[in-house]
């Protein structure tokens, strides 16, 4: 069992940002980008709440996968020509991916002690 991490709280806030970002940043007219941000944002919020309540490794892997999807989604969903939506997806996705892997590294991967032999 892992401990609750501050990264889960940050991921939750990033998920909330994704939900509102199409209106704040101004790309509501690009349906693929808007739906991607709102749906992934809601999913990230839900998984962050689960991670905070019952922390398990699989939730971090799901968060990492969602972060990776956000990074590639502008190119897969063909909205990369819209700079604000693209940068929002890439930056938020990269942050979520980094925080999820960071939490995994702290709780699940063995730490090796380096000694000077």
Protein backbone atom coordinates (compact mmCIF):
# COMPACT_ATOMS: atom_id res chain seq x y z
CA UNK A 1 0.00 0.00 0.00
CA UNK A 2 1.35 3.38 -0.92
CA UNK A 3 1.00 6.62 0.92
CA UNK A 4 -0.97 9.59 -0.29
CA UNK A 5 1.22 11.99 -2.21
CA UNK A 6 1.05 15.68 -2.96
CA UNK A 7 1.30 14.74 -6.64
CA UNK A 8 -2.25 13.37 -6.46
CA UNK A 9 -3.52 16.78 -5.33
CA UNK A 10 -1.64 18.50 -8.14
CA UNK A 11 -3.08 16.04 -10.68
CA UNK A 12 -6.57 16.77 -9.34
CA UNK A 13 -6.03 20.51 -9.85
CA UNK A 14 -4.64 19.92 -13.34
CA UNK A 15 -7.76 17.88 -14.13
CA UNK A 16 -9.98 20.73 -12.98
CA UNK A 17 -7.93 23.10 -15.13
CA UNK A 18 -8.45 20.85 -18.16
CA UNK A 19 -12.22 20.91 -17.68
CA UNK A 20 -12.37 24.73 -17.68
CA UNK A 21 -9.44 25.46 -20.00
CA UNK A 22 -11.37 25.51 -23.30
CA UNK A 23 -13.34 28.50 -22.00
CA UNK A 24 -10.47 30.18 -20.17
CA UNK A 25 -7.92 29.77 -22.97
CA UNK A 26 -10.48 30.20 -25.73
CA UNK A 27 -10.71 27.10 -27.88
CA UNK A 28 -14.35 26.10 -27.36
CA UNK A 29 -14.92 26.30 -31.12
CA UNK A 30 -12.54 23.38 -31.75
CA UNK A 31 -14.74 20.43 -30.85
CA UNK A 32 -12.03 17.75 -30.71
CA UNK A 33 -9.81 19.85 -28.44
CA UNK A 34 -12.72 20.91 -26.22
CA UNK A 35 -14.12 17.40 -25.78
CA UNK A 36 -10.65 15.96 -25.24
CA UNK A 37 -9.90 18.50 -22.49
CA UNK A 38 -13.26 18.14 -20.75
CA UNK A 39 -13.44 14.33 -20.89
CA UNK A 40 -9.81 13.81 -19.87
CA UNK A 41 -10.13 16.49 -17.21
CA UNK A 42 -13.11 14.74 -15.64
CA UNK A 43 -11.33 11.37 -15.84
CA UNK A 44 -8.20 12.82 -14.22
CA UNK A 45 -10.25 14.37 -11.41
CA UNK A 46 -12.03 11.04 -10.79
CA UNK A 47 -8.78 9.06 -10.77
CA UNK A 48 -7.11 11.63 -8.53
CA UNK A 49 -9.92 11.29 -6.00
CA UNK A 50 -9.55 7.50 -6.17
CA UNK A 51 -5.78 7.84 -5.69
CA UNK A 52 -6.34 10.00 -2.65
CA UNK A 53 -8.89 7.60 -1.17
CA UNK A 54 -7.41 4.19 -1.92
CA UNK A 55 -3.87 4.63 -3.20
CA UNK A 56 -2.77 1.81 -5.52
CA UNK A 57 -0.17 1.57 -8.27
CA UNK A 58 -2.68 0.99 -11.07
CA UNK A 59 -4.21 4.43 -10.58
CA UNK A 60 -0.82 6.06 -11.15
CA UNK A 61 -0.36 4.00 -14.31
CA UNK A 62 -3.79 5.15 -15.53
CA UNK A 63 -2.84 8.76 -14.76
CA UNK A 64 0.44 8.33 -16.63
CA UNK A 65 -1.42 6.91 -19.64
CA UNK A 66 -3.86 9.83 -19.61
CA UNK A 67 -0.94 12.25 -19.43
CA UNK A 68 0.73 10.54 -22.38
CA UNK A 69 -2.54 10.66 -24.34
CA UNK A 70 -2.82 14.40 -23.69
CA UNK A 71 0.68 14.94 -25.07
CA UNK A 72 -0.05 13.14 -28.35
CA UNK A 73 -3.75 14.02 -28.67
CA UNK A 74 -3.33 17.28 -30.64
CA UNK A 75 -1.65 15.29 -33.40
CA UNK A 76 -3.92 12.24 -33.24
CA UNK A 77 -7.15 14.28 -33.06
CA UNK A 78 -5.85 16.82 -35.61
CA UNK A 79 -6.08 20.04 -33.63
CA UNK A 80 -2.34 20.75 -33.57
CA UNK A 81 -2.87 23.78 -35.82
CA UNK A 82 -4.52 25.56 -32.86
CA UNK A 83 -1.58 26.69 -30.70
CA UNK A 84 -3.42 27.38 -27.43
CA UNK A 85 -5.22 24.02 -27.37
CA UNK A 86 -2.08 22.16 -28.44
CA UNK A 87 0.22 23.75 -25.87
CA UNK A 88 -2.37 23.32 -23.14
CA UNK A 89 -2.71 19.59 -23.88
CA UNK A 90 1.04 19.03 -24.19
CA UNK A 91 2.06 20.95 -21.06
CA UNK A 92 -0.72 19.60 -18.82
CA UNK A 93 -0.21 16.08 -20.19
CA UNK A 94 3.53 16.21 -19.58
CA UNK A 95 2.98 17.46 -16.03
CA UNK A 96 0.49 14.70 -15.27
CA UNK A 97 2.82 12.09 -16.75
CA UNK A 98 5.79 13.36 -14.72
CA UNK A 99 3.82 13.56 -11.46
CA UNK A 100 2.35 10.07 -11.92
CA UNK A 101 5.75 8.52 -12.67
CA UNK A 102 7.30 10.47 -9.79
CA UNK A 103 4.71 9.10 -7.36
CA UNK A 104 5.29 5.58 -8.73
CA UNK A 105 9.04 5.92 -8.32
CA UNK A 106 8.67 6.97 -4.70
CA UNK A 107 6.27 4.19 -3.71
CA UNK A 108 6.68 1.19 -5.96
CA UNK A 109 10.12 0.98 -7.50
CA UNK A 110 12.92 -0.25 -5.25
CA UNK A 111 15.49 2.33 -4.27
CA UNK A 112 19.10 1.34 -4.50
CA UNK A 113 21.66 2.67 -2.14
CA UNK A 114 24.83 3.80 -3.84
CA UNK A 115 27.96 2.96 -1.92
CA UNK A 116 31.54 3.85 -2.71
CA UNK A 117 33.22 0.45 -3.16
